[in-house]
Amino acid sequence: MAQAAYVPEPARRTEPSFDVLGEFDEPWTAQLALDLLPEANGPKVEVLSGSVIVTPHAGIDHQTIELDFAYLLKQAAKRAKLWVYHEVNVVSGDDLFIPDIAVFRRSGGGRVSLDIADAVLLGEIVSPGNRRKDVIDRPRQYAAAGVPYFLRVDARNRVPAVALFELVDGEYRPVAAAAAGGTFTMTEPFAFSIDPADLLDEESPTADVEVVPDGDADPGER
């Protein structure tokens, strides 16, 4: 008589629960996270090198840029028969990423996750509390997965700037960039242009603006 396959105790739950984070002591994979953890409109839940990474939502500027920029990109990408999403599950082997911006060759309609192999462009909006991740770590990881383009939006000191990088010989090289008051223009992977100044709402009269010093590395810098 065939022996039943072992199923970890957390997998036997009838409903996904974040409680499993304190119970499961094996390395995590993207599929395990998608199977065992609940869908949430709260923090991002990603998987990297066997560990679950939980990140709270960033500030209002970040969320405003993400929503407006994704919408504008979506309109332009449609003409090139590409699909734009924001904060979707992207599976890369056993890793699970949730990029701020994602452009894919095919629709993700009806799916829970998308394969990074189908990504044309992945983008991050830099958060003051996660600068290293957004500026260095994620571009390196996306480059290692072979994603052709990386897009970065940085609004430090409330002066938005947009930069596009293309994968060349395993590293991202700058293609186009512009700051508020100028025009960011790209022709690949689809035609799109914008004044980065249009990405932010007017400043709140009670805003606390964090000043971040210069000196952060570009994608691919070792």
N, C-alpha and C. Protein backbone atom coordinates (compact mmCIF):
# COMPACT_ATOMS: atom_id res chain seq x y z
N MET A 1 0.85 -1.20 0.00
CA MET A 1 0.00 0.00 0.00
C MET A 1 0.88 1.24 0.00
N ALA A 2 0.62 2.16 -0.92
CA ALA A 2 1.45 3.36 -1.04
C ALA A 2 1.31 4.24 0.19
N GLN A 3 2.44 4.80 0.63
CA GLN A 3 2.43 5.67 1.81
C GLN A 3 2.03 7.07 1.40
N ALA A 4 1.14 7.69 2.18
CA ALA A 4 0.69 9.04 1.86
C ALA A 4 1.84 10.03 1.99
N ALA A 5 1.88 10.99 1.08
CA ALA A 5 2.93 12.01 1.12
C ALA A 5 2.77 12.88 2.35
N TYR A 6 3.91 13.26 2.93
CA TYR A 6 3.88 14.13 4.12
C TYR A 6 3.47 15.54 3.72
N VAL A 7 2.54 16.10 4.46
CA VAL A 7 2.11 17.47 4.25
C VAL A 7 2.36 18.24 5.53
N PRO A 8 3.16 19.34 5.48
CA PRO A 8 3.42 20.10 6.70
C PRO A 8 2.13 20.52 7.38
N GLU A 9 2.12 20.52 8.70
CA GLU A 9 0.92 20.83 9.48
C GLU A 9 0.25 22.13 9.04
N PRO A 10 1.00 23.25 8.80
CA PRO A 10 0.32 24.48 8.40
C PRO A 10 -0.48 24.35 7.12
N ALA A 11 -0.05 23.41 6.23
CA ALA A 11 -0.75 23.25 4.95
C ALA A 11 -2.12 22.64 5.13
N ARG A 12 -2.39 22.04 6.32
CA ARG A 12 -3.67 21.38 6.54
C ARG A 12 -4.76 22.36 6.98
N ARG A 13 -4.39 23.63 7.15
CA ARG A 13 -5.38 24.61 7.57
C ARG A 13 -6.47 24.74 6.50
N THR A 14 -7.67 24.96 6.95
CA THR A 14 -8.77 25.12 6.00
C THR A 14 -8.76 26.52 5.40
N GLU A 15 -8.24 27.51 6.11
CA GLU A 15 -8.18 28.87 5.61
C GLU A 15 -6.75 29.39 5.75
N PRO A 16 -6.23 30.11 4.74
CA PRO A 16 -4.90 30.70 4.88
C PRO A 16 -4.86 31.66 6.07
N SER A 17 -3.73 31.70 6.75
CA SER A 17 -3.60 32.56 7.93
C SER A 17 -2.16 32.99 8.10
N PHE A 18 -1.96 34.23 8.56
CA PHE A 18 -0.62 34.71 8.85
C PHE A 18 -0.04 34.01 10.09
N ASP A 19 -0.88 33.30 10.85
CA ASP A 19 -0.38 32.55 12.00
C ASP A 19 0.67 31.53 11.59
N VAL A 20 0.60 31.08 10.34
CA VAL A 20 1.53 30.05 9.88
C VAL A 20 2.97 30.55 9.87
N LEU A 21 3.16 31.88 9.85
CA LEU A 21 4.52 32.43 9.86
C LEU A 21 5.27 32.04 11.12
N GLY A 22 4.55 31.84 12.22
CA GLY A 22 5.19 31.45 13.46
C GLY A 22 5.28 29.95 13.67
N GLU A 23 4.71 29.18 12.74
CA GLU A 23 4.64 27.73 12.91
C GLU A 23 5.50 26.97 11.91
N PHE A 24 5.69 27.53 10.73
CA PHE A 24 6.36 26.81 9.65
C PHE A 24 7.86 27.03 9.75
N ASP A 25 8.64 25.96 9.93
CA ASP A 25 10.07 26.11 10.15
C ASP A 25 10.91 25.60 8.98
N GLU A 26 10.29 25.40 7.81
CA GLU A 26 11.02 25.01 6.61
C GLU A 26 11.28 26.26 5.76
N PRO A 27 12.24 26.19 4.84
CA PRO A 27 12.45 27.34 3.93
C PRO A 27 11.18 27.63 3.13
N TRP A 28 10.86 28.90 3.02
CA TRP A 28 9.67 29.30 2.28
C TRP A 28 9.98 29.35 0.78
N THR A 29 8.95 29.10 -0.02
CA THR A 29 9.02 29.27 -1.47
C THR A 29 7.85 30.15 -1.89
N ALA A 30 7.93 30.63 -3.10
CA ALA A 30 6.83 31.45 -3.63
C ALA A 30 5.52 30.68 -3.58
N GLN A 31 5.55 29.40 -3.99
CA GLN A 31 4.32 28.63 -4.03
C GLN A 31 3.74 28.40 -2.65
N LEU A 32 4.60 28.15 -1.66
CA LEU A 32 4.11 27.98 -0.30
C LEU A 32 3.42 29.25 0.19
N ALA A 33 4.02 30.39 -0.07
CA ALA A 33 3.43 31.66 0.36
C ALA A 33 2.07 31.87 -0.31
N LEU A 34 1.98 31.58 -1.60
CA LEU A 34 0.71 31.74 -2.30
C LEU A 34 -0.35 30.76 -1.79
N ASP A 35 0.08 29.57 -1.36
CA ASP A 35 -0.86 28.56 -0.89
C ASP A 35 -1.29 28.78 0.56
N LEU A 36 -0.36 29.20 1.42
CA LEU A 36 -0.61 29.20 2.86
C LEU A 36 -0.95 30.55 3.46
N LEU A 37 -0.55 31.64 2.80
CA LEU A 37 -0.78 32.97 3.37
C LEU A 37 -2.00 33.61 2.72
N PRO A 38 -2.77 34.37 3.50
CA PRO A 38 -3.99 34.97 2.95
C PRO A 38 -3.71 36.15 2.04
N GLU A 39 -4.63 36.40 1.12
CA GLU A 39 -4.56 37.63 0.33
C GLU A 39 -4.81 38.80 1.27
N ALA A 40 -4.13 39.92 1.02
CA ALA A 40 -4.26 41.05 1.93
C ALA A 40 -4.08 42.35 1.18
N ASN A 41 -4.80 43.37 1.63
CA ASN A 41 -4.61 44.72 1.10
C ASN A 41 -3.67 45.52 2.00
N GLY A 42 -3.07 44.83 2.96
CA GLY A 42 -2.16 45.48 3.89
C GLY A 42 -0.73 45.41 3.41
N PRO A 43 0.17 44.85 4.22
CA PRO A 43 1.59 44.85 3.86
C PRO A 43 1.89 43.94 2.67
N LYS A 44 3.00 44.26 1.99
CA LYS A 44 3.49 43.36 0.95
C LYS A 44 4.11 42.15 1.63
N VAL A 45 3.84 40.97 1.08
CA VAL A 45 4.43 39.74 1.59
C VAL A 45 5.20 39.10 0.44
N GLU A 46 6.52 39.11 0.54
CA GLU A 46 7.38 38.58 -0.51
C GLU A 46 8.24 37.45 0.06
N VAL A 47 8.87 36.69 -0.84
CA VAL A 47 9.74 35.60 -0.43
C VAL A 47 11.08 35.76 -1.14
N LEU A 48 12.16 35.74 -0.36
CA LEU A 48 13.50 35.88 -0.93
C LEU A 48 14.45 34.94 -0.20
N SER A 49 15.07 34.06 -0.97
CA SER A 49 16.07 33.13 -0.43
C SER A 49 15.54 32.33 0.76
N GLY A 50 14.28 31.90 0.66
CA GLY A 50 13.70 31.04 1.68
C GLY A 50 13.06 31.74 2.85
N SER A 51 13.11 33.06 2.87
CA SER A 51 12.54 33.83 3.98
C SER A 51 11.36 34.68 3.50
N VAL A 52 10.38 34.82 4.38
CA VAL A 52 9.24 35.70 4.10
C VAL A 52 9.60 37.12 4.54
N ILE A 53 9.36 38.08 3.66
CA ILE A 53 9.65 39.49 3.95
C ILE A 53 8.33 40.25 3.94
N VAL A 54 8.00 40.86 5.05
CA VAL A 54 6.75 41.62 5.18
C VAL A 54 7.10 43.10 5.25
N THR A 55 6.50 43.90 4.34
CA THR A 55 6.82 45.32 4.26
C THR A 55 5.53 46.13 4.31
N PRO A 56 5.41 47.08 5.25
CA PRO A 56 4.21 47.92 5.29
C PRO A 56 4.15 48.85 4.09
N HIS A 57 2.98 49.37 3.81
CA HIS A 57 2.84 50.33 2.73
C HIS A 57 3.67 51.56 3.00
N ALA A 58 4.21 52.14 1.94
CA ALA A 58 5.02 53.35 2.06
C ALA A 58 4.11 54.57 2.22
N GLY A 59 4.72 55.76 2.22
CA GLY A 59 3.97 57.00 2.45
C GLY A 59 3.03 57.37 1.32
N ILE A 60 2.30 58.45 1.52
CA ILE A 60 1.27 58.88 0.57
C ILE A 60 1.87 59.23 -0.79
N ASP A 61 3.02 59.90 -0.81
CA ASP A 61 3.65 60.24 -2.09
C ASP A 61 3.91 58.98 -2.90
N HIS A 62 4.44 57.95 -2.24
CA HIS A 62 4.73 56.69 -2.93
C HIS A 62 3.46 56.10 -3.52
N GLN A 63 2.39 56.06 -2.74
CA GLN A 63 1.14 55.46 -3.20
C GLN A 63 0.52 56.27 -4.34
N THR A 64 0.62 57.60 -4.25
CA THR A 64 0.09 58.46 -5.30
C THR A 64 0.82 58.22 -6.62
N ILE A 65 2.15 58.18 -6.55
CA ILE A 65 2.94 57.95 -7.76
C ILE A 65 2.61 56.58 -8.34
N GLU A 66 2.54 55.57 -7.50
CA GLU A 66 2.29 54.21 -7.96
C GLU A 66 0.96 54.12 -8.71
N LEU A 67 -0.08 54.70 -8.15
CA LEU A 67 -1.40 54.62 -8.77
C LEU A 67 -1.46 55.41 -10.07
N ASP A 68 -1.01 56.66 -10.04
CA ASP A 68 -1.10 57.51 -11.23
C ASP A 68 -0.15 57.05 -12.34
N PHE A 69 1.07 56.67 -11.95
CA PHE A 69 2.06 56.26 -12.95
C PHE A 69 1.63 54.97 -13.64
N ALA A 70 1.13 54.02 -12.85
CA ALA A 70 0.66 52.76 -13.44
C ALA A 70 -0.47 53.00 -14.43
N TYR A 71 -1.37 53.91 -14.08
CA TYR A 71 -2.48 54.21 -14.98
C TYR A 71 -1.98 54.80 -16.30
N LEU A 72 -1.08 55.76 -16.22
CA LEU A 72 -0.57 56.41 -17.42
C LEU A 72 0.23 55.43 -18.28
N LEU A 73 1.04 54.61 -17.62
CA LEU A 73 1.80 53.60 -18.36
C LEU A 73 0.88 52.59 -19.04
N LYS A 74 -0.20 52.23 -18.36
CA LYS A 74 -1.13 51.25 -18.91
C LYS A 74 -1.73 51.72 -20.22
N GLN A 75 -2.08 53.00 -20.28
CA GLN A 75 -2.67 53.54 -21.51
C GLN A 75 -1.67 53.47 -22.66
N ALA A 76 -0.41 53.80 -22.38
CA ALA A 76 0.62 53.77 -23.42
C ALA A 76 0.97 52.35 -23.82
N ALA A 77 1.04 51.44 -22.85
CA ALA A 77 1.44 50.06 -23.14
C ALA A 77 0.41 49.31 -23.97
N LYS A 78 -0.85 49.69 -23.82
CA LYS A 78 -1.91 49.02 -24.60
C LYS A 78 -1.64 49.09 -26.08
N ARG A 79 -1.08 50.21 -26.53
CA ARG A 79 -0.82 50.39 -27.96
C ARG A 79 0.27 49.44 -28.45
N ALA A 80 1.11 48.97 -27.53
CA ALA A 80 2.16 48.01 -27.88
C ALA A 80 1.74 46.58 -27.53
N LYS A 81 0.48 46.40 -27.15
CA LYS A 81 -0.07 45.10 -26.77
C LYS A 81 0.69 44.49 -25.59
N LEU A 82 0.96 45.35 -24.61
CA LEU A 82 1.58 44.93 -23.37
C LEU A 82 0.64 45.24 -22.22
N TRP A 83 0.83 44.57 -21.08
CA TRP A 83 -0.07 44.72 -19.94
C TRP A 83 0.71 45.29 -18.75
N VAL A 84 0.13 46.31 -18.12
CA VAL A 84 0.77 46.97 -16.99
C VAL A 84 -0.04 46.70 -15.72
N TYR A 85 0.66 46.33 -14.64
CA TYR A 85 0.04 46.10 -13.35
C TYR A 85 0.87 46.76 -12.26
N HIS A 86 0.25 46.98 -11.11
CA HIS A 86 1.04 47.45 -9.97
C HIS A 86 0.76 46.54 -8.77
N GLU A 87 1.85 46.23 -8.05
CA GLU A 87 1.80 45.36 -6.88
C GLU A 87 1.12 44.02 -7.16
N VAL A 88 1.62 43.29 -8.17
CA VAL A 88 1.14 41.94 -8.44
C VAL A 88 2.21 40.93 -8.04
N ASN A 89 1.78 39.70 -7.78
CA ASN A 89 2.70 38.63 -7.42
C ASN A 89 3.50 38.19 -8.65
N VAL A 90 4.82 38.28 -8.53
CA VAL A 90 5.71 37.86 -9.62
C VAL A 90 6.61 36.76 -9.08
N VAL A 91 6.50 35.57 -9.68
CA VAL A 91 7.26 34.41 -9.21
C VAL A 91 8.54 34.27 -10.02
N SER A 92 9.67 34.13 -9.30
CA SER A 92 10.97 33.91 -9.91
C SER A 92 11.60 32.70 -9.23
N GLY A 93 11.38 31.50 -9.79
CA GLY A 93 11.84 30.29 -9.13
C GLY A 93 11.12 30.12 -7.81
N ASP A 94 11.87 30.06 -6.70
CA ASP A 94 11.27 29.96 -5.37
C ASP A 94 11.03 31.32 -4.73
N ASP A 95 11.44 32.39 -5.41
CA ASP A 95 11.26 33.74 -4.86
C ASP A 95 9.94 34.34 -5.33
N LEU A 96 9.41 35.21 -4.49
CA LEU A 96 8.16 35.90 -4.81
C LEU A 96 8.39 37.40 -4.64
N PHE A 97 8.28 38.15 -5.73
CA PHE A 97 8.43 39.59 -5.70
C PHE A 97 7.08 40.27 -5.91
N ILE A 98 6.93 41.46 -5.36
CA ILE A 98 5.77 42.30 -5.64
C ILE A 98 6.29 43.67 -6.06
N PRO A 99 6.63 43.84 -7.33
CA PRO A 99 7.14 45.12 -7.80
C PRO A 99 6.06 46.20 -7.73
N ASP A 100 6.50 47.44 -7.61
CA ASP A 100 5.53 48.54 -7.64
C ASP A 100 4.88 48.65 -9.01
N ILE A 101 5.67 48.44 -10.06
CA ILE A 101 5.18 48.51 -11.44
C ILE A 101 5.65 47.27 -12.18
N ALA A 102 4.78 46.67 -12.99
CA ALA A 102 5.15 45.48 -13.76
C ALA A 102 4.52 45.54 -15.14
N VAL A 103 5.33 45.30 -16.16
CA VAL A 103 4.85 45.26 -17.55
C VAL A 103 5.10 43.85 -18.08
N PHE A 104 4.03 43.22 -18.60
CA PHE A 104 4.13 41.84 -19.06
C PHE A 104 3.72 41.68 -20.52
N ARG A 105 4.24 40.61 -21.12
CA ARG A 105 3.94 40.32 -22.53
C ARG A 105 2.54 39.78 -22.71
N ARG A 106 1.96 39.23 -21.63
CA ARG A 106 0.64 38.63 -21.75
C ARG A 106 -0.21 39.04 -20.56
N SER A 107 -1.50 38.93 -20.73
CA SER A 107 -2.43 39.33 -19.67
C SER A 107 -2.33 38.40 -18.47
N GLY A 108 -2.52 38.98 -17.29
CA GLY A 108 -2.59 38.19 -16.07
C GLY A 108 -4.01 37.99 -15.59
N GLY A 109 -4.98 38.34 -16.41
CA GLY A 109 -6.37 38.24 -16.01
C GLY A 109 -6.75 36.86 -15.51
N GLY A 110 -7.38 36.80 -14.32
CA GLY A 110 -7.83 35.54 -13.75
C GLY A 110 -6.76 34.76 -13.02
N ARG A 111 -5.53 35.28 -12.95
CA ARG A 111 -4.43 34.55 -12.32
C ARG A 111 -4.07 35.17 -10.97
N VAL A 112 -3.40 34.39 -10.13
CA VAL A 112 -2.95 34.85 -8.82
C VAL A 112 -1.54 35.43 -8.92
N SER A 113 -0.73 34.87 -9.83
CA SER A 113 0.66 35.32 -9.96
C SER A 113 1.08 35.26 -11.41
N LEU A 114 2.21 35.90 -11.70
CA LEU A 114 2.78 35.91 -13.04
C LEU A 114 4.23 35.45 -12.96
N ASP A 115 4.72 34.82 -14.04
CA ASP A 115 6.10 34.33 -14.09
C ASP A 115 7.02 35.45 -14.55
N ILE A 116 8.12 35.62 -13.85
CA ILE A 116 9.05 36.70 -14.18
C ILE A 116 9.62 36.55 -15.59
N ALA A 117 9.59 35.34 -16.13
CA ALA A 117 10.09 35.11 -17.49
C ALA A 117 9.27 35.88 -18.52
N ASP A 118 8.03 36.22 -18.19
CA ASP A 118 7.16 36.95 -19.11
C ASP A 118 7.21 38.47 -18.88
N ALA A 119 8.03 38.91 -17.93
CA ALA A 119 8.12 40.34 -17.63
C ALA A 119 8.97 41.06 -18.67
N VAL A 120 8.48 42.19 -19.13
CA VAL A 120 9.23 43.05 -20.05
C VAL A 120 9.95 44.13 -19.26
N LEU A 121 9.29 44.63 -18.23
CA LEU A 121 9.83 45.72 -17.41
C LEU A 121 9.29 45.56 -16.00
N LEU A 122 10.15 45.74 -15.02
CA LEU A 122 9.74 45.82 -13.63
C LEU A 122 10.26 47.13 -13.06
N GLY A 123 9.45 47.76 -12.20
CA GLY A 123 9.84 49.06 -11.68
C GLY A 123 9.59 49.20 -10.20
N GLU A 124 10.39 50.05 -9.58
CA GLU A 124 10.25 50.33 -8.15
C GLU A 124 10.19 51.84 -7.94
N ILE A 125 9.32 52.24 -7.00
CA ILE A 125 9.23 53.62 -6.55
C ILE A 125 9.98 53.69 -5.24
N VAL A 126 11.03 54.47 -5.19
CA VAL A 126 11.94 54.45 -4.06
C VAL A 126 11.26 54.97 -2.80
N SER A 127 11.36 54.17 -1.73
CA SER A 127 10.84 54.56 -0.42
C SER A 127 12.01 54.97 0.46
N PRO A 128 11.86 56.05 1.26
CA PRO A 128 12.96 56.48 2.14
C PRO A 128 13.46 55.36 3.05
N GLY A 129 12.55 54.50 3.52
CA GLY A 129 12.96 53.45 4.44
C GLY A 129 13.51 52.21 3.76
N ASN A 130 13.43 52.15 2.41
CA ASN A 130 13.89 50.96 1.68
C ASN A 130 14.76 51.35 0.49
N ARG A 131 15.58 52.36 0.63
CA ARG A 131 16.35 52.85 -0.50
C ARG A 131 17.29 51.77 -1.06
N ARG A 132 17.97 51.05 -0.19
CA ARG A 132 18.89 50.04 -0.71
C ARG A 132 18.15 48.98 -1.51
N LYS A 133 17.00 48.55 -1.00
CA LYS A 133 16.24 47.53 -1.72
C LYS A 133 15.81 48.04 -3.09
N ASP A 134 15.28 49.26 -3.15
CA ASP A 134 14.72 49.78 -4.39
C ASP A 134 15.79 50.20 -5.39
N VAL A 135 16.93 50.69 -4.89
CA VAL A 135 17.96 51.24 -5.76
C VAL A 135 19.01 50.20 -6.14
N ILE A 136 19.31 49.26 -5.26
CA ILE A 136 20.39 48.30 -5.51
C ILE A 136 19.90 46.86 -5.57
N ASP A 137 19.24 46.40 -4.49
CA ASP A 137 18.93 44.97 -4.38
C ASP A 137 17.96 44.48 -5.45
N ARG A 138 16.81 45.15 -5.59
CA ARG A 138 15.81 44.66 -6.54
C ARG A 138 16.30 44.72 -7.98
N PRO A 139 16.96 45.81 -8.40
CA PRO A 139 17.49 45.78 -9.77
C PRO A 139 18.44 44.61 -10.02
N ARG A 140 19.28 44.31 -9.05
CA ARG A 140 20.19 43.18 -9.22
C ARG A 140 19.42 41.87 -9.37
N GLN A 141 18.39 41.71 -8.55
CA GLN A 141 17.60 40.48 -8.60
C GLN A 141 16.82 40.38 -9.91
N TYR A 142 16.26 41.48 -10.37
CA TYR A 142 15.53 41.46 -11.64
C TYR A 142 16.49 41.21 -12.81
N ALA A 143 17.69 41.80 -12.73
CA ALA A 143 18.68 41.57 -13.79
C ALA A 143 19.10 40.11 -13.83
N ALA A 144 19.29 39.50 -12.65
CA ALA A 144 19.67 38.09 -12.59
C ALA A 144 18.60 37.20 -13.19
N ALA A 145 17.35 37.64 -13.13
CA ALA A 145 16.23 36.87 -13.70
C ALA A 145 16.04 37.16 -15.18
N GLY A 146 16.81 38.10 -15.72
CA GLY A 146 16.75 38.38 -17.16
C GLY A 146 15.66 39.34 -17.59
N VAL A 147 15.13 40.15 -16.68
CA VAL A 147 14.09 41.12 -17.06
C VAL A 147 14.73 42.20 -17.93
N PRO A 148 14.22 42.44 -19.13
CA PRO A 148 14.90 43.33 -20.08
C PRO A 148 15.04 44.78 -19.63
N TYR A 149 14.04 45.31 -18.89
CA TYR A 149 14.09 46.73 -18.50
C TYR A 149 13.75 46.89 -17.01
N PHE A 150 14.39 47.89 -16.42
CA PHE A 150 14.09 48.27 -15.04
C PHE A 150 13.79 49.77 -15.02
N LEU A 151 12.72 50.13 -14.31
CA LEU A 151 12.30 51.53 -14.20
C LEU A 151 12.33 51.95 -12.74
N ARG A 152 12.88 53.12 -12.48
CA ARG A 152 12.94 53.62 -11.11
C ARG A 152 12.35 55.02 -11.05
N VAL A 153 11.49 55.24 -10.04
CA VAL A 153 10.95 56.57 -9.76
C VAL A 153 11.43 56.96 -8.36
N ASP A 154 12.06 58.12 -8.27
CA ASP A 154 12.60 58.57 -6.99
C ASP A 154 12.06 59.98 -6.72
N ALA A 155 11.36 60.13 -5.59
CA ALA A 155 10.75 61.43 -5.27
C ALA A 155 11.35 62.01 -4.00
N ARG A 156 12.61 61.74 -3.72
CA ARG A 156 13.20 62.27 -2.49
C ARG A 156 13.19 63.79 -2.54
N ASN A 157 12.96 64.37 -1.37
CA ASN A 157 12.80 65.83 -1.22
C ASN A 157 11.67 66.37 -2.09
N ARG A 158 10.74 65.47 -2.47
CA ARG A 158 9.56 65.81 -3.27
C ARG A 158 9.93 66.43 -4.62
N VAL A 159 11.02 65.97 -5.20
CA VAL A 159 11.41 66.35 -6.56
C VAL A 159 11.46 65.05 -7.37
N PRO A 160 10.36 64.66 -8.00
CA PRO A 160 10.31 63.36 -8.67
C PRO A 160 11.27 63.27 -9.85
N ALA A 161 11.87 62.11 -10.00
CA ALA A 161 12.73 61.82 -11.14
C ALA A 161 12.44 60.40 -11.60
N VAL A 162 12.48 60.19 -12.91
CA VAL A 162 12.21 58.88 -13.51
C VAL A 162 13.43 58.46 -14.31
N ALA A 163 13.84 57.20 -14.16
CA ALA A 163 14.98 56.68 -14.91
C ALA A 163 14.67 55.30 -15.44
N LEU A 164 15.06 55.04 -16.68
CA LEU A 164 14.86 53.74 -17.32
C LEU A 164 16.23 53.12 -17.58
N PHE A 165 16.34 51.80 -17.31
CA PHE A 165 17.58 51.06 -17.51
C PHE A 165 17.30 49.84 -18.38
N GLU A 166 18.25 49.51 -19.23
CA GLU A 166 18.14 48.33 -20.10
C GLU A 166 19.17 47.29 -19.71
N LEU A 167 18.78 46.03 -19.77
CA LEU A 167 19.68 44.94 -19.41
C LEU A 167 20.69 44.72 -20.54
N VAL A 168 21.97 44.90 -20.22
CA VAL A 168 23.06 44.71 -21.18
C VAL A 168 24.16 43.90 -20.49
N ASP A 169 24.46 42.73 -21.04
CA ASP A 169 25.50 41.87 -20.48
C ASP A 169 25.28 41.61 -18.99
N GLY A 170 24.02 41.37 -18.61
CA GLY A 170 23.70 40.99 -17.24
C GLY A 170 23.58 42.11 -16.25
N GLU A 171 23.73 43.37 -16.70
CA GLU A 171 23.59 44.52 -15.81
C GLU A 171 22.72 45.59 -16.47
N TYR A 172 22.07 46.39 -15.63
CA TYR A 172 21.23 47.46 -16.16
C TYR A 172 22.08 48.69 -16.46
N ARG A 173 21.89 49.19 -17.68
CA ARG A 173 22.59 50.40 -18.11
C ARG A 173 21.55 51.50 -18.37
N PRO A 174 21.83 52.76 -17.98
CA PRO A 174 20.84 53.83 -18.14
C PRO A 174 20.52 54.10 -19.60
N VAL A 175 19.23 54.32 -19.86
CA VAL A 175 18.75 54.61 -21.21
C VAL A 175 18.16 56.02 -21.28
N ALA A 176 17.35 56.37 -20.29
CA ALA A 176 16.68 57.67 -20.29
C ALA A 176 16.41 58.09 -18.85
N ALA A 177 16.44 59.40 -18.61
CA ALA A 177 16.17 59.91 -17.26
C ALA A 177 15.77 61.37 -17.34
N ALA A 178 14.93 61.79 -16.40
CA ALA A 178 14.54 63.20 -16.31
C ALA A 178 13.98 63.46 -14.93
N ALA A 179 14.15 64.69 -14.46
CA ALA A 179 13.60 65.12 -13.18
C ALA A 179 12.45 66.08 -13.41
N ALA A 180 11.77 66.43 -12.33
CA ALA A 180 10.62 67.34 -12.41
C ALA A 180 11.00 68.61 -13.17
N GLY A 181 10.12 69.02 -14.08
CA GLY A 181 10.38 70.19 -14.90
C GLY A 181 10.94 69.85 -16.26
N GLY A 182 11.44 68.63 -16.41
CA GLY A 182 11.91 68.14 -17.70
C GLY A 182 10.93 67.13 -18.25
N THR A 183 11.31 66.47 -19.33
CA THR A 183 10.45 65.47 -19.94
C THR A 183 11.18 64.14 -20.00
N PHE A 184 10.61 63.15 -19.33
CA PHE A 184 11.13 61.79 -19.43
C PHE A 184 10.50 61.15 -20.66
N THR A 185 11.33 60.64 -21.55
CA THR A 185 10.85 60.03 -22.79
C THR A 185 11.54 58.69 -23.00
N MET A 186 10.73 57.67 -23.27
CA MET A 186 11.30 56.37 -23.63
C MET A 186 10.61 55.89 -24.91
N THR A 187 11.35 55.10 -25.68
CA THR A 187 10.79 54.52 -26.90
C THR A 187 10.64 53.01 -26.80
N GLU A 188 11.38 52.39 -25.89
CA GLU A 188 11.30 50.95 -25.65
C GLU A 188 11.13 50.72 -24.15
N PRO A 189 10.38 49.69 -23.74
CA PRO A 189 9.69 48.69 -24.58
C PRO A 189 8.41 49.20 -25.25
N PHE A 190 8.04 50.45 -24.96
CA PHE A 190 6.94 51.10 -25.68
C PHE A 190 7.13 52.60 -25.52
N ALA A 191 6.47 53.36 -26.37
CA ALA A 191 6.63 54.81 -26.36
C ALA A 191 5.85 55.42 -25.20
N PHE A 192 6.54 56.31 -24.45
CA PHE A 192 5.90 56.95 -23.30
C PHE A 192 6.72 58.17 -22.92
N SER A 193 6.01 59.24 -22.52
CA SER A 193 6.70 60.43 -22.03
C SER A 193 5.87 61.11 -20.95
N ILE A 194 6.57 61.80 -20.04
CA ILE A 194 5.90 62.47 -18.93
C ILE A 194 6.85 63.47 -18.29
N ASP A 195 6.29 64.55 -17.76
CA ASP A 195 7.04 65.42 -16.87
C ASP A 195 6.89 64.82 -15.48
N PRO A 196 7.97 64.35 -14.84
CA PRO A 196 7.85 63.72 -13.52
C PRO A 196 7.14 64.59 -12.48
N ALA A 197 7.13 65.89 -12.69
CA ALA A 197 6.45 66.78 -11.73
C ALA A 197 4.97 66.46 -11.64
N ASP A 198 4.40 65.87 -12.69
CA ASP A 198 2.97 65.57 -12.70
C ASP A 198 2.60 64.39 -11.82
N LEU A 199 3.59 63.71 -11.25
CA LEU A 199 3.32 62.49 -10.48
C LEU A 199 2.99 62.73 -9.02
N LEU A 200 3.19 63.95 -8.51
CA LEU A 200 2.94 64.22 -7.10
C LEU A 200 1.78 65.19 -6.91
N ASP A 201 1.01 64.95 -5.84
CA ASP A 201 0.01 65.93 -5.42
C ASP A 201 0.71 67.10 -4.75
N GLU A 202 -0.03 68.20 -4.58
CA GLU A 202 0.56 69.33 -3.87
C GLU A 202 0.85 68.94 -2.43
N GLU A 203 1.84 69.59 -1.85
CA GLU A 203 2.29 69.23 -0.52
C GLU A 203 1.28 69.63 0.55
N SER A 204 1.09 68.73 1.51
CA SER A 204 0.23 69.04 2.65
C SER A 204 0.86 70.14 3.48
N PRO A 205 0.06 71.07 4.01
CA PRO A 205 0.63 72.16 4.83
C PRO A 205 1.26 71.67 6.12
N THR A 206 1.00 70.41 6.51
CA THR A 206 1.58 69.87 7.73
C THR A 206 2.57 68.74 7.44
N ALA A 207 3.06 68.67 6.20
CA ALA A 207 3.93 67.56 5.81
C ALA A 207 5.28 67.64 6.50
N ASP A 208 5.81 66.47 6.85
CA ASP A 208 7.18 66.34 7.34
C ASP A 208 7.98 65.68 6.22
N VAL A 209 8.85 66.43 5.58
CA VAL A 209 9.62 65.91 4.45
C VAL A 209 10.97 65.43 4.94
N GLU A 210 11.26 64.17 4.69
CA GLU A 210 12.54 63.61 5.11
C GLU A 210 13.59 63.92 4.06
N VAL A 211 14.67 64.57 4.45
CA VAL A 211 15.75 64.89 3.54
C VAL A 211 16.73 63.73 3.53
N VAL A 212 16.94 63.15 2.34
CA VAL A 212 17.82 62.00 2.21
C VAL A 212 19.07 62.43 1.49
N PRO A 213 20.26 62.18 2.04
CA PRO A 213 21.50 62.60 1.37
C PRO A 213 21.72 61.87 0.08
N ASP A 214 22.52 62.49 -0.81
CA ASP A 214 22.87 61.85 -2.08
C ASP A 214 23.87 60.72 -1.82
N GLY A 215 24.20 60.02 -2.90
CA GLY A 215 25.23 59.01 -2.77
C GLY A 215 24.74 57.59 -2.94
N ASP A 216 23.45 57.39 -3.26
CA ASP A 216 22.94 56.04 -3.48
C ASP A 216 23.42 55.53 -4.83
N ALA A 217 23.67 54.24 -4.90
CA ALA A 217 24.19 53.65 -6.13
C ALA A 217 23.08 53.42 -7.13
N ASP A 218 23.46 53.38 -8.41
CA ASP A 218 22.53 53.06 -9.48
C ASP A 218 22.38 51.56 -9.59
N PRO A 219 21.31 51.09 -10.29
CA PRO A 219 21.14 49.65 -10.47
C PRO A 219 22.37 49.03 -11.11
N GLY A 220 22.75 47.87 -10.60
CA GLY A 220 23.87 47.14 -11.18
C GLY A 220 25.21 47.52 -10.61
N GLU A 221 25.28 48.59 -9.79
CA GLU A 221 26.58 48.97 -9.23
C GLU A 221 27.01 47.92 -8.22
N ARG A 222 28.25 47.52 -8.30
CA ARG A 222 28.77 46.50 -7.40
C ARG A 222 29.58 47.13 -6.27
